PDB file of N, CA and C in Angstrom:
ATOM      1  N   UNK A   1      23.443  54.768  14.987  1.00  0.00           N
ATOM      2  CA  UNK A   1      22.626  53.629  14.832  1.00  0.00           C
ATOM      3  C   UNK A   1      23.953  52.527  13.310  1.00  0.00           C
ATOM      4  N   UNK A   2      24.861  51.631  13.495  1.00  0.00           N
ATOM      5  CA  UNK A   2      26.336  51.497  13.072  1.00  0.00           C
ATOM      6  C   UNK A   2      25.414  50.430  12.246  1.00  0.00           C
ATOM      7  N   UNK A   3      26.504  50.598  10.930  1.00  0.00           N
ATOM      8  CA  UNK A   3      25.630  49.922   9.543  1.00  0.00           C
ATOM      9  C   UNK A   3      26.552  49.138   9.487  1.00  0.00           C
ATOM     10  N   UNK A   4      26.399  48.094   9.286  1.00  0.00           N
ATOM     11  CA  UNK A   4      27.603  47.078   8.949  1.00  0.00           C
ATOM     12  C   UNK A   4      27.793  46.225   7.702  1.00  0.00           C
ATOM     13  N   UNK A   5      28.945  46.467   6.914  1.00  0.00           N
ATOM     14  CA  UNK A   5      28.694  45.264   5.242  1.00  0.00           C
ATOM     15  C   UNK A   5      30.159  44.326   5.311  1.00  0.00           C
ATOM     16  N   UNK A   6      29.070  43.238   5.410  1.00  0.00           N
ATOM     17  CA  UNK A   6      30.202  41.883   5.076  1.00  0.00           C
ATOM     18  C   UNK A   6      30.681  41.800   3.716  1.00  0.00           C
ATOM     19  N   UNK A   7      31.761  41.705   3.583  1.00  0.00           N
ATOM     20  CA  UNK A   7      31.951  40.493   1.810  1.00  0.00           C
ATOM     21  C   UNK A   7      33.250  39.369   2.772  1.00  0.00           C
ATOM     22  N   UNK A   8      32.623  37.965   1.469  1.00  0.00           N
ATOM     23  CA  UNK A   8      32.972  36.949   1.414  1.00  0.00           C
ATOM     24  C   UNK A   8      34.000  37.436   0.791  1.00  0.00           C
ATOM     25  N   UNK A   9      35.203  36.557   1.062  1.00  0.00           N
ATOM     26  CA  UNK A   9      36.712  36.900  -0.335  1.00  0.00           C
ATOM     27  C   UNK A   9      37.036  35.581  -0.042  1.00  0.00           C
ATOM     28  N   UNK A  10      37.705  35.265  -1.301  1.00  0.00           N
ATOM     29  CA  UNK A  10      37.787  33.678  -1.765  1.00  0.00           C
ATOM     30  C   UNK A  10      39.763  34.139  -2.467  1.00  0.00           C
ATOM     31  N   UNK A  11      39.757  33.441  -2.102  1.00  0.00           N
ATOM     32  CA  UNK A  11      41.439  33.723  -2.750  1.00  0.00           C
ATOM     33  C   UNK A  11      42.074  32.949  -3.530  1.00  0.00           C
ATOM     34  N   UNK A  12      42.949  33.529  -4.577  1.00  0.00           N
ATOM     35  CA  UNK A  12      43.035  33.250  -5.698  1.00  0.00           C
ATOM     36  C   UNK A  12      43.734  31.766  -5.956  1.00  0.00           C
ATOM     37  N   UNK A  13      42.720  30.882  -7.153  1.00  0.00           N
ATOM     38  CA  UNK A  13      43.188  29.848  -6.977  1.00  0.00           C
ATOM     39  C   UNK A  13      44.941  29.572  -7.461  1.00  0.00           C
ATOM     40  N   UNK A  14      45.645  28.421  -6.002  1.00  0.00           N
ATOM     41  CA  UNK A  14      47.231  28.242  -6.597  1.00  0.00           C
ATOM     42  C   UNK A  14      47.616  28.913  -5.254  1.00  0.00           C
ATOM     43  N   UNK A  15      46.740  30.079  -4.317  1.00  0.00           N
ATOM     44  CA  UNK A  15      47.495  30.724  -3.311  1.00  0.00           C
ATOM     45  C   UNK A  15      47.453  29.306  -2.152  1.00  0.00           C
ATOM     46  N   UNK A  16      48.442  29.239  -1.139  1.00  0.00           N
ATOM     47  CA  UNK A  16      48.323  28.535   0.033  1.00  0.00           C
ATOM     48  C   UNK A  16      47.593  29.530   0.787  1.00  0.00           C
ATOM     49  N   UNK A  17      46.610  29.098   2.267  1.00  0.00           N
ATOM     50  CA  UNK A  17      45.927  29.641   2.938  1.00  0.00           C
ATOM     51  C   UNK A  17      46.962  30.753   3.719  1.00  0.00           C
ATOM     52  N   UNK A  18      48.106  30.342   4.148  1.00  0.00           N
ATOM     53  CA  UNK A  18      49.278  30.692   4.612  1.00  0.00           C
ATOM     54  C   UNK A  18      49.647  31.313   3.886  1.00  0.00           C
ATOM     55  N   UNK A  19      49.679  31.596   2.875  1.00  0.00           N
ATOM     56  CA  UNK A  19      50.002  32.672   1.980  1.00  0.00           C
ATOM     57  C   UNK A  19      49.454  33.552   1.679  1.00  0.00           C
ATOM     58  N   UNK A  20      48.176  33.331   1.741  1.00  0.00           N
ATOM     59  CA  UNK A  20      46.900  34.268   1.295  1.00  0.00           C
ATOM     60  C   UNK A  20      46.558  35.246   2.515  1.00  0.00           C
ATOM     61  N   UNK A  21      46.893  34.657   3.988  1.00  0.00           N
ATOM     62  CA  UNK A  21      46.630  35.610   5.383  1.00  0.00           C
ATOM     63  C   UNK A  21      47.660  36.146   5.115  1.00  0.00           C
ATOM     64  N   UNK A  22      48.867  35.838   5.093  1.00  0.00           N
ATOM     65  CA  UNK A  22      49.911  37.100   5.329  1.00  0.00           C
ATOM     66  C   UNK A  22      49.828  38.027   4.290  1.00  0.00           C
ATOM     67  N   UNK A  23      49.482  37.880   3.112  1.00  0.00           N
ATOM     68  CA  UNK A  23      49.321  38.884   1.860  1.00  0.00           C
ATOM     69  C   UNK A  23      48.571  39.714   2.531  1.00  0.00           C
ATOM     70  N   UNK A  24      47.585  39.400   2.706  1.00  0.00           N
ATOM     71  CA  UNK A  24      46.171  40.064   3.323  1.00  0.00           C
ATOM     72  C   UNK A  24      46.902  40.587   3.902  1.00  0.00           C
ATOM     73  N   UNK A  25      47.308  40.253   5.599  1.00  0.00           N
ATOM     74  CA  UNK A  25      47.382  41.309   6.680  1.00  0.00           C
ATOM     75  C   UNK A  25      48.780  42.048   6.012  1.00  0.00           C
ATOM     76  N   UNK A  26      49.498  41.918   5.635  1.00  0.00           N
ATOM     77  CA  UNK A  26      50.539  42.696   4.930  1.00  0.00           C
ATOM     78  C   UNK A  26      50.953  43.834   4.522  1.00  0.00           C
ATOM     79  N   UNK A  27      49.581  43.360   3.461  1.00  0.00           N
ATOM     80  CA  UNK A  27      49.886  44.518   2.633  1.00  0.00           C
ATOM     81  C   UNK A  27      48.282  44.435   1.894  1.00  0.00           C
ATOM     82  N   UNK A  28      47.280  43.842   1.523  1.00  0.00           N
ATOM     83  CA  UNK A  28      46.214  45.028   1.588  1.00  0.00           C
ATOM     84  C   UNK A  28      45.562  45.207   2.304  1.00  0.00           C
ATOM     85  N   UNK A  29      45.525  44.899   3.666  1.00  0.00           N
ATOM     86  CA  UNK A  29      44.618  45.227   4.710  1.00  0.00           C
ATOM     87  C   UNK A  29      45.355  46.553   4.827  1.00  0.00           C
ATOM     88  N   UNK A  30      46.083  47.340   4.718  1.00  0.00           N
ATOM     89  CA  UNK A  30      47.160  48.204   4.748  1.00  0.00           C
ATOM     90  C   UNK A  30      46.025  49.460   3.752  1.00  0.00           C
ATOM     91  N   UNK A  31      45.636  49.040   2.271  1.00  0.00           N
ATOM     92  CA  UNK A  31      44.929  49.493   1.362  1.00  0.00           C
ATOM     93  C   UNK A  31      43.653  50.153   2.215  1.00  0.00           C
ATOM     94  N   UNK A  32      42.646  48.960   2.528  1.00  0.00           N
ATOM     95  CA  UNK A  32      41.503  48.467   3.150  1.00  0.00           C
ATOM     96  C   UNK A  32      42.005  49.689   4.038  1.00  0.00           C
ATOM     97  N   UNK A  33      42.623  49.907   5.080  1.00  0.00           N
ATOM     98  CA  UNK A  33      42.515  51.202   6.334  1.00  0.00           C
ATOM     99  C   UNK A  33      42.819  52.476   5.563  1.00  0.00           C
ATOM    100  N   UNK A  34      43.488  52.786   4.314  1.00  0.00           N
ATOM    101  CA  UNK A  34      44.059  53.787   3.829  1.00  0.00           C
ATOM    102  C   UNK A  34      42.413  54.224   3.673  1.00  0.00           C
ATOM    103  N   UNK A  35      41.709  53.458   2.457  1.00  0.00           N
ATOM    104  CA  UNK A  35      40.495  54.066   1.816  1.00  0.00           C
ATOM    105  C   UNK A  35      39.446  54.074   2.552  1.00  0.00           C
ATOM    106  N   UNK A  36      39.472  53.437   3.878  1.00  0.00           N
ATOM    107  CA  UNK A  36      37.965  53.722   5.339  1.00  0.00           C
ATOM    108  C   UNK A  36      38.780  54.220   5.952  1.00  0.00           C
ATOM    109  N   UNK A  37      39.378  54.572   5.887  1.00  0.00           N
ATOM    110  CA  UNK A  37      39.939  56.297   7.177  1.00  0.00           C
ATOM    111  C   UNK A  37      39.091  57.618   6.543  1.00  0.00           C
ATOM    112  N   UNK A  38      38.395  57.688   7.769  1.00  0.00           N
ATOM    113  CA  UNK A  38      37.518  58.686   8.028  1.00  0.00           C
ATOM    114  C   UNK A  38      36.396  58.312   7.642  1.00  0.00           C
ATOM    115  N   UNK A  39      36.101  57.090   7.166  1.00  0.00           N
ATOM    116  CA  UNK A  39      34.439  56.902   6.824  1.00  0.00           C
ATOM    117  C   UNK A  39      34.524  55.660   8.015  1.00  0.00           C
ATOM    118  N   UNK A  40      34.948  54.496   8.143  1.00  0.00           N
ATOM    119  CA  UNK A  40      34.512  53.216   8.957  1.00  0.00           C
ATOM    120  C   UNK A  40      35.040  53.491  10.029  1.00  0.00           C
ATOM    121  N   UNK A  41      34.390  52.628  11.405  1.00  0.00           N
ATOM    122  CA  UNK A  41      34.508  52.610  13.048  1.00  0.00           C
ATOM    123  C   UNK A  41      35.548  51.011  12.893  1.00  0.00           C
ATOM    124  N   UNK A  42      35.043  50.474  12.028  1.00  0.00           N
ATOM    125  CA  UNK A  42      35.974  48.872  12.440  1.00  0.00           C
ATOM    126  C   UNK A  42      36.362  48.375  11.029  1.00  0.00           C
ATOM    127  N   UNK A  43      37.271  47.821  10.967  1.00  0.00           N
ATOM    128  CA  UNK A  43      37.543  46.676   9.707  1.00  0.00           C
ATOM    129  C   UNK A  43      38.213  45.816  10.218  1.00  0.00           C
ATOM    130  N   UNK A  44      37.649  44.381  10.256  1.00  0.00           N
ATOM    131  CA  UNK A  44      37.876  43.254  11.014  1.00  0.00           C
ATOM    132  C   UNK A  44      38.047  42.191   9.566  1.00  0.00           C
ATOM    133  N   UNK A  45      38.924  40.989   9.682  1.00  0.00           N
ATOM    134  CA  UNK A  45      38.974  40.309   9.184  1.00  0.00           C
ATOM    135  C   UNK A  45      38.842  38.914   9.827  1.00  0.00           C
ATOM    136  N   UNK A  46      38.222  38.357   9.158  1.00  0.00           N
ATOM    137  CA  UNK A  46      37.544  37.094   9.890  1.00  0.00           C
ATOM    138  C   UNK A  46      37.970  35.924   9.155  1.00  0.00           C
ATOM    139  N   UNK A  47      38.961  35.133   9.103  1.00  0.00           N
ATOM    140  CA  UNK A  47      39.550  34.211   8.760  1.00  0.00           C
ATOM    141  C   UNK A  47      38.890  32.815   9.411  1.00  0.00           C
ATOM    142  N   UNK A  48      38.821  31.807   7.746  1.00  0.00           N
ATOM    143  CA  UNK A  48      37.898  30.053   8.472  1.00  0.00           C
ATOM    144  C   UNK A  48      38.485  29.640   8.698  1.00  0.00           C
ATOM    145  N   UNK A  49      37.830  28.483   8.792  1.00  0.00           N
ATOM    146  CA  UNK A  49      38.539  27.251   9.273  1.00  0.00           C
ATOM    147  C   UNK A  49      37.255  26.531   9.899  1.00  0.00           C
ATOM    148  N   UNK A  50      37.714  25.312   8.434  1.00  0.00           N
ATOM    149  CA  UNK A  50      36.357  24.596   9.502  1.00  0.00           C
ATOM    150  C   UNK A  50      36.417  23.635  10.467  1.00  0.00           C
ATOM    151  N   UNK A  51      35.440  23.535  10.859  1.00  0.00           N
ATOM    152  CA  UNK A  51      35.507  23.018  12.455  1.00  0.00           C
ATOM    153  C   UNK A  51      34.814  21.316  12.068  1.00  0.00           C
ATOM    154  N   UNK A  52      34.472  21.278  11.224  1.00  0.00           N
ATOM    155  CA  UNK A  52      33.246  20.095  10.306  1.00  0.00           C
ATOM    156  C   UNK A  52      33.664  18.496  10.144  1.00  0.00           C
ATOM    157  N   UNK A  53      35.314  18.815  10.059  1.00  0.00           N
ATOM    158  CA  UNK A  53      35.989  17.547   9.335  1.00  0.00           C
ATOM    159  C   UNK A  53      36.157  17.955   7.868  1.00  0.00           C
ATOM    160  N   UNK A  54      34.867  18.840   7.295  1.00  0.00           N
ATOM    161  CA  UNK A  54      35.465  18.208   5.431  1.00  0.00           C
ATOM    162  C   UNK A  54      36.473  19.471   5.266  1.00  0.00           C
ATOM    163  N   UNK A  55      36.972  18.828   4.776  1.00  0.00           N
ATOM    164  CA  UNK A  55      37.832  19.231   4.021  1.00  0.00           C
ATOM    165  C   UNK A  55      38.140  19.647   2.335  1.00  0.00           C
ATOM    166  N   UNK A  56      36.752  20.410   2.150  1.00  0.00           N
ATOM    167  CA  UNK A  56      36.371  20.379   0.827  1.00  0.00           C
ATOM    168  C   UNK A  56      36.556  22.027   0.408  1.00  0.00           C
ATOM    169  N   UNK A  57      36.331  22.345  -1.199  1.00  0.00           N
ATOM    170  CA  UNK A  57      36.163  24.264  -0.748  1.00  0.00           C
ATOM    171  C   UNK A  57      35.118  25.021  -0.915  1.00  0.00           C
ATOM    172  N   UNK A  58      35.909  25.886  -0.241  1.00  0.00           N
ATOM    173  CA  UNK A  58      33.943  27.119   0.390  1.00  0.00           C
ATOM    174  C   UNK A  58      34.073  27.627  -0.136  1.00  0.00           C
ATOM    175  N   UNK A  59      33.017  28.404  -0.782  1.00  0.00           N
ATOM    176  CA  UNK A  59      33.234  29.866  -0.991  1.00  0.00           C
ATOM    177  C   UNK A  59      33.667  30.826  -0.674  1.00  0.00           C
ATOM    178  N   UNK A  60      34.331  31.064   0.572  1.00  0.00           N
ATOM    179  CA  UNK A  60      34.841  31.891   1.305  1.00  0.00           C
ATOM    180  C   UNK A  60      35.986  31.602   1.771  1.00  0.00           C
ATOM    181  N   UNK A  61      37.589  32.285   2.150  1.00  0.00           N
ATOM    182  CA  UNK A  61      38.067  31.891   3.087  1.00  0.00           C
ATOM    183  C   UNK A  61      38.201  33.382   4.003  1.00  0.00           C
ATOM    184  N   UNK A  62      38.049  33.846   4.081  1.00  0.00           N
ATOM    185  CA  UNK A  62      38.008  35.163   4.879  1.00  0.00           C
ATOM    186  C   UNK A  62      36.261  36.413   4.873  1.00  0.00           C
ATOM    187  N   UNK A  63      35.921  36.523   5.947  1.00  0.00           N
ATOM    188  CA  UNK A  63      34.595  37.304   6.379  1.00  0.00           C
ATOM    189  C   UNK A  63      35.036  38.605   6.214  1.00  0.00           C
ATOM    190  N   UNK A  64      34.597  39.947   5.373  1.00  0.00           N
ATOM    191  CA  UNK A  64      35.976  40.990   5.909  1.00  0.00           C
ATOM    192  C   UNK A  64      34.143  42.128   6.315  1.00  0.00           C
ATOM    193  N   UNK A  65      34.891  42.431   7.375  1.00  0.00           N
ATOM    194  CA  UNK A  65      33.431  42.911   8.454  1.00  0.00           C
ATOM    195  C   UNK A  65      34.439  44.297   8.659  1.00  0.00           C
ATOM    196  N   UNK A  66      33.001  45.711   7.904  1.00  0.00           N
ATOM    197  CA  UNK A  66      33.073  46.512   8.086  1.00  0.00           C
ATOM    198  C   UNK A  66      32.040  47.407   8.426  1.00  0.00           C
ATOM    199  N   UNK A  67      32.047  48.333  10.020  1.00  0.00           N
ATOM    200  CA  UNK A  67      31.295  49.462  10.614  1.00  0.00           C
ATOM    201  C   UNK A  67      31.535  50.871  10.000  1.00  0.00           C
ATOM    202  N   UNK A  68      30.231  50.894  10.429  1.00  0.00           N
ATOM    203  CA  UNK A  68      30.462  51.994   9.284  1.00  0.00           C
ATOM    204  C   UNK A  68      28.796  53.289  10.318  1.00  0.00           C
ATOM    205  N   UNK A  69      29.914  54.712  10.901  1.00  0.00           N
ATOM    206  CA  UNK A  69      28.723  55.161  12.203  1.00  0.00           C
ATOM    207  C   UNK A  69      26.601  55.161  11.388  1.00  0.00           C
ATOM    208  N   UNK A  70      26.934  55.302  10.514  1.00  0.00           N
ATOM    209  CA  UNK A  70      25.595  55.043   9.585  1.00  0.00           C
ATOM    210  C   UNK A  70      25.353  55.352   8.272  1.00  0.00           C
ATOM    211  N   UNK A  71      24.327  55.081   7.445  1.00  0.00           N
ATOM    212  CA  UNK A  71      24.550  54.987   6.456  1.00  0.00           C
ATOM    213  C   UNK A  71      24.858  56.090   5.208  1.00  0.00           C
ATOM    214  N   UNK A  72      24.794  57.285   5.984  1.00  0.00           N
ATOM    215  CA  UNK A  72      25.727  58.328   5.025  1.00  0.00           C
ATOM    216  C   UNK A  72      26.987  58.263   5.198  1.00  0.00           C
ATOM    217  N   UNK A  73      27.741  57.641   6.145  1.00  0.00           N
ATOM    218  CA  UNK A  73      29.123  57.301   5.609  1.00  0.00           C
ATOM    219  C   UNK A  73      29.351  55.979   4.874  1.00  0.00           C
ATOM    220  N   UNK A  74      28.303  55.711   5.063  1.00  0.00           N
ATOM    221  CA  UNK A  74      28.838  54.230   4.578  1.00  0.00           C
ATOM    222  C   UNK A  74      28.579  54.557   3.184  1.00  0.00           C
ATOM    223  N   UNK A  75      27.982  55.440   2.597  1.00  0.00           N
ATOM    224  CA  UNK A  75      27.306  55.681   0.943  1.00  0.00           C
ATOM    225  C   UNK A  75      28.701  56.859   0.628  1.00  0.00           C
ATOM    226  N   UNK A  76      28.938  57.868   2.008  1.00  0.00           N
ATOM    227  CA  UNK A  76      29.831  58.841   1.316  1.00  0.00           C
ATOM    228  C   UNK A  76      31.316  57.509   1.500  1.00  0.00           C
ATOM    229  N   UNK A  77      31.579  56.322   1.816  1.00  0.00           N
ATOM    230  CA  UNK A  77      32.637  55.723   1.245  1.00  0.00           C
ATOM    231  C   UNK A  77      32.979  55.008   0.182  1.00  0.00           C
ATOM    232  N   UNK A  78      31.570  54.374   0.097  1.00  0.00           N
ATOM    233  CA  UNK A  78      31.069  53.968  -1.318  1.00  0.00           C
ATOM    234  C   UNK A  78      31.910  54.860  -2.344  1.00  0.00           C
ATOM    235  N   UNK A  79      30.861  56.093  -1.816  1.00  0.00           N
ATOM    236  CA  UNK A  79      30.455  57.126  -3.462  1.00  0.00           C
ATOM    237  C   UNK A  79      32.915  57.423  -3.510  1.00  0.00           C
ATOM    238  N   UNK A  80      33.094  57.504  -2.049  1.00  0.00           N
ATOM    239  CA  UNK A  80      34.923  57.724  -2.294  1.00  0.00           C
ATOM    240  C   UNK A  80      35.256  56.334  -2.949  1.00  0.00           C
ATOM    241  N   UNK A  81      34.823  55.327  -3.137  1.00  0.00           N
ATOM    242  CA  UNK A  81      35.672  53.865  -3.837  1.00  0.00           C
ATOM    243  C   UNK A  81      35.481  54.018  -4.857  1.00  0.00           C
ATOM    244  N   UNK A  82      34.675  54.921  -6.128  1.00  0.00           N
ATOM    245  CA  UNK A  82      34.199  54.533  -7.623  1.00  0.00           C
ATOM    246  C   UNK A  82      34.991  55.344  -7.979  1.00  0.00           C
ATOM    247  N   UNK A  83      36.174  56.455  -7.443  1.00  0.00           N
ATOM    248  CA  UNK A  83      37.117  57.140  -7.587  1.00  0.00           C
ATOM    249  C   UNK A  83      38.129  55.505  -8.762  1.00  0.00           C
ATOM    250  N   UNK A  84      38.068  56.328  -9.880  1.00  0.00           N
ATOM    251  CA  UNK A  84      38.651  55.280 -11.494  1.00  0.00           C
ATOM    252  C   UNK A  84      39.693  55.083 -10.812  1.00  0.00           C
ATOM    253  N   UNK A  85      40.977  56.102 -10.016  1.00  0.00           N
ATOM    254  CA  UNK A  85      42.207  55.739  -9.577  1.00  0.00           C
ATOM    255  C   UNK A  85      42.226  54.828  -8.215  1.00  0.00           C
ATOM    256  N   UNK A  86      41.574  55.088  -7.295  1.00  0.00           N
ATOM    257  CA  UNK A  86      41.065  54.036  -5.688  1.00  0.00           C
ATOM    258  C   UNK A  86      40.505  52.690  -6.398  1.00  0.00           C
ATOM    259  N   UNK A  87      39.893  52.876  -8.027  1.00  0.00           N
ATOM    260  CA  UNK A  87      39.303  51.399  -7.976  1.00  0.00           C
ATOM    261  C   UNK A  87      40.721  50.653  -8.156  1.00  0.00           C
ATOM    262  N   UNK A  88      40.848  51.607  -9.323  1.00  0.00           N
ATOM    263  CA  UNK A  88      42.483  51.005 -10.342  1.00  0.00           C
ATOM    264  C   UNK A  88      42.877  50.058  -9.075  1.00  0.00           C
ATOM    265  N   UNK A  89      43.670  50.988  -7.971  1.00  0.00           N
ATOM    266  CA  UNK A  89      44.718  50.275  -7.016  1.00  0.00           C
ATOM    267  C   UNK A  89      44.049  49.091  -6.371  1.00  0.00           C
ATOM    268  N   UNK A  90      43.334  49.051  -6.317  1.00  0.00           N
ATOM    269  CA  UNK A  90      42.171  48.089  -5.598  1.00  0.00           C
ATOM    270  C   UNK A  90      42.583  46.833  -6.204  1.00  0.00           C
ATOM    271  N   UNK A  91      41.391  46.964  -7.060  1.00  0.00           N
ATOM    272  CA  UNK A  91      41.378  45.655  -8.325  1.00  0.00           C
ATOM    273  C   UNK A  91      42.803  45.333  -8.598  1.00  0.00           C
ATOM    274  N   UNK A  92      44.020  46.336  -8.915  1.00  0.00           N
ATOM    275  CA  UNK A  92      45.321  45.481  -9.103  1.00  0.00           C
ATOM    276  C   UNK A  92      45.633  44.575  -7.445  1.00  0.00           C
ATOM    277  N   UNK A  93      45.198  44.797  -6.309  1.00  0.00           N
ATOM    278  CA  UNK A  93      46.104  44.290  -5.989  1.00  0.00           C
ATOM    279  C   UNK A  93      45.274  43.077  -5.252  1.00  0.00           C
ATOM    280  N   UNK A  94      43.633  43.206  -5.587  1.00  0.00           N
ATOM    281  CA  UNK A  94      42.920  41.740  -5.482  1.00  0.00           C
ATOM    282  C   UNK A  94      42.896  41.170  -6.141  1.00  0.00           C
ATOM    283  N   UNK A  95      43.901  41.090  -7.911  1.00  0.00           N
ATOM    284  CA  UNK A  95      43.966  40.470  -9.013  1.00  0.00           C
ATOM    285  C   UNK A  95      45.566  39.683  -7.870  1.00  0.00           C
ATOM    286  N   UNK A  96      46.030  39.326  -6.991  1.00  0.00           N
ATOM    287  CA  UNK A  96      47.462  39.320  -6.623  1.00  0.00           C
ATOM    288  C   UNK A  96      46.918  38.307  -5.305  1.00  0.00           C
ATOM    289  N   UNK A  97      45.318  38.282  -5.375  1.00  0.00           N
ATOM    290  CA  UNK A  97      45.011  37.584  -3.615  1.00  0.00           C
ATOM    291  C   UNK A  97      43.939  37.013  -3.768  1.00  0.00           C
ATOM    292  N   UNK A  98      42.859  37.662  -4.632  1.00  0.00           N
ATOM    293  CA  UNK A  98      41.459  37.203  -4.873  1.00  0.00           C
ATOM    294  C   UNK A  98      40.843  36.288  -5.305  1.00  0.00           C
ATOM    295  N   UNK A  99      40.035  35.695  -6.206  1.00  0.00           N
ATOM    296  CA  UNK A  99      39.451  35.318  -6.951  1.00  0.00           C
ATOM    297  C   UNK A  99      37.977  36.052  -7.178  1.00  0.00           C
ATOM    298  N   UNK A 100      38.809  37.054  -7.596  1.00  0.00           N
ATOM    299  CA  UNK A 100      37.416  38.328  -7.693  1.00  0.00           C
ATOM    300  C   UNK A 100      35.981  38.485  -8.365  1.00  0.00           C
ATOM    301  N   UNK A 101      36.113  37.203  -9.562  1.00  0.00           N
ATOM    302  CA  UNK A 101      34.096  36.578  -9.629  1.00  0.00           C
ATOM    303  C   UNK A 101      33.660  36.267  -8.214  1.00  0.00           C
ATOM    304  N   UNK A 102      34.276  35.605  -7.417  1.00  0.00           N
ATOM    305  CA  UNK A 102      33.543  35.289  -6.020  1.00  0.00           C
ATOM    306  C   UNK A 102      33.301  35.926  -4.798  1.00  0.00           C
ATOM    307  N   UNK A 103      33.835  37.026  -5.517  1.00  0.00           N
ATOM    308  CA  UNK A 103      33.275  38.972  -4.041  1.00  0.00           C
ATOM    309  C   UNK A 103      31.971  38.534  -4.242  1.00  0.00           C
ATOM    310  N   UNK A 104      31.154  38.752  -2.383  1.00  0.00           N
ATOM    311  CA  UNK A 104      30.390  38.777  -2.625  1.00  0.00           C
ATOM    312  C   UNK A 104      30.299  39.890  -1.446  1.00  0.00           C
ATOM    313  N   UNK A 105      29.714  41.159  -1.724  1.00  0.00           N
ATOM    314  CA  UNK A 105      29.258  41.726  -0.234  1.00  0.00           C
ATOM    315  C   UNK A 105      27.670  42.326  -0.309  1.00  0.00           C
ATOM    316  N   UNK A 106      27.982  42.180   1.201  1.00  0.00           N
ATOM    317  CA  UNK A 106      26.333  42.427   1.980  1.00  0.00           C
ATOM    318  C   UNK A 106      26.307  43.588   2.769  1.00  0.00           C
ATOM    319  N   UNK A 107      24.979  43.937   3.025  1.00  0.00           N
ATOM    320  CA  UNK A 107      24.786  44.635   4.063  1.00  0.00           C
ATOM    321  C   UNK A 107      24.448  43.906   5.327  1.00  0.00           C
ATOM    322  N   UNK A 108      24.482  44.069   6.678  1.00  0.00           N
ATOM    323  CA  UNK A 108      23.966  43.312   7.636  1.00  0.00           C
ATOM    324  C   UNK A 108      22.716  43.885   8.191  1.00  0.00           C
ATOM    325  N   UNK A 109      21.892  42.932   8.340  1.00  0.00           N
ATOM    326  CA  UNK A 109      21.099  43.152   9.803  1.00  0.00           C
ATOM    327  C   UNK A 109      20.617  42.272  10.659  1.00  0.00           C
ATOM    328  N   UNK A 110      20.588  42.873  11.836  1.00  0.00           N
ATOM    329  CA  UNK A 110      21.389  42.001  13.014  1.00  0.00           C
ATOM    330  C   UNK A 110      20.272  41.701  13.361  1.00  0.00           C
ATOM    331  N   UNK A 111      19.451  40.135  14.489  1.00  0.00           N
ATOM    332  CA  UNK A 111      19.085  39.881  15.416  1.00  0.00           C
ATOM    333  C   UNK A 111      19.623  38.880  16.421  1.00  0.00           C
ATOM    334  N   UNK A 112      19.215  39.327  17.298  1.00  0.00           N
ATOM    335  CA  UNK A 112      20.322  38.501  18.434  1.00  0.00           C
ATOM    336  C   UNK A 112      19.068  37.697  20.028  1.00  0.00           C
ATOM    337  N   UNK A 113      19.944  37.060  20.322  1.00  0.00           N
ATOM    338  CA  UNK A 113      19.256  36.198  21.014  1.00  0.00           C
ATOM    339  C   UNK A 113      19.202  36.672  22.529  1.00  0.00           C
ATOM    340  N   UNK A 114      18.728  36.713  23.232  1.00  0.00           N
ATOM    341  CA  UNK A 114      19.230  36.759  24.684  1.00  0.00           C
ATOM    342  C   UNK A 114      19.664  35.035  25.562  1.00  0.00           C
ATOM    343  N   UNK A 115      20.857  35.302  25.250  1.00  0.00           N
ATOM    344  CA  UNK A 115      21.497  33.950  26.123  1.00  0.00           C
ATOM    345  C   UNK A 115      21.499  33.838  27.758  1.00  0.00           C
ATOM    346  N   UNK A 116      20.911  34.575  28.564  1.00  0.00           N
ATOM    347  CA  UNK A 116      21.447  34.375  29.667  1.00  0.00           C
ATOM    348  C   UNK A 116      20.302  33.568  30.608  1.00  0.00           C
TER     349      UNK A 116
END
């Protein structure tokens, strides 16, 4: 049973969408890959672009999805992330990229429709 965690992330004030994506993909992504290795089976960033024509602030610029093979792997990953040195490394880089006060993380339960 796959366990999915999603996090809604907002870029820091004053950072353009383009600079945000470039920094995330060239730097912060690598930190994620390093700390998730051995725990996660999938690490995806989904950048949001409004389709409704509304150009108003949104609570998120990217949805990060992480899949784990089971709850034990997720819990082991989160326990390893609690290491003070790891937390400090992540927080330092997040300050360059995100509005940290707006980060929200969720466990996902899924329901799907048969579209045949």
